[in-house]
Amino acid sequence: MKERLPFSFEFHQYVKKVLKSDIADSNLFVATEDDFKNGSGPTFPYRSYFYALGILHEDKCRLKIGLREFDLQKQSLTVVGPGIVRLWTQNDWNARNTTIFFKPELFQKPFNSNFLLDYPFFKPGANHVINLSDEAYFQVNTIVQLLKRYETNRGINSGLLFSLLELVKGTYPGNGTQFSNKKGYEMVRAFDRLLHKEYQSHKEVKFYADQLHITPKHLSDVLKKETGLTAKQSIEAFVLFEAKSLLKQTEMSVKEIVYWLGYEDPSYFNKLFRNKVGMTPLNFRRNEVV
């Protein structure tokens, strides 16, 4: 069987398909609620091959990334790196927002695009939503609006974006305020990062517990307390999240997806998917509203 690797929303594809805009060869797009009105945002889990920062000026939204769900409110800043699957579980696409989509190629000399890898908020398991104070919101929004103004001027927009990223780094929280304690937050982050890396090869709770130097019971107890799911439930939920993305964003057959996810028995996975989602993978692909 010829393997077909999953494709994701490439930068220009996302802008053209989702936002109904054509930006030619640009590596930067600054969208507002007016752009989201032109199309309908994805209603399924999806990943993309570009960076995104979005600031919400009003209303509330809810976003699921990996194992965690984030509540967005007025003055929330969302930051997501490439390759990370997410799902808007609650979103009014008409809500006032400014969202920046960009590719590393935007940064040319004197910049080195590798510096993007150093920002913690773009990595799997990060705090992908930052609730800004009034002062931080004013500072971030000032640069965001300048980016909108100079969107097509590469000589200016790359410097503005770099300044914005440095500002965000300074406001990025070092602990998880939505968790009961810092140790719990750190363990959830470590587990989430490890799961992003190893989920295709390892689905056993013991493997992750060993890597984190704790017992499987302790890992499950912490995850249950902080996320509401045990370790086994977390692994299953993450894999199903990935499966939904592949079913909606690729032309891979169900069998190919099963093997891609690391399962050897398609019938086992089909049963798991049906029990957890309420329909077969094929019906999900056919019937889920896009």
Foldseek 3Di string as FASTA:
>chain_A
DDADDFDFAEDQNCCCAQQVDGDDPAFKDKDWLVSNVVHPDDQAKGFYAWKKKKAFQADWWWKDWQLDIDIDGHGKIFTEAGPTIMHTPGDDSNGTMIMMIGHLVLDDPPDDSVVVVVQQCHAWLFPRMARDDPVLSVVLVVLSVVCVVCVPPSVPNVVSVVVNSVSCSVRGDPADPLFPDRVLSVLSSLLRNVCVVCQQPDLDLQVSCVVVVHGLVVQQVSCCRGRVGGSNRSSLVSLLSVLRHRLARHPDDLVSSCVSSNHDDSVVVQVSNCVVVVHGSVCSSVPPDD
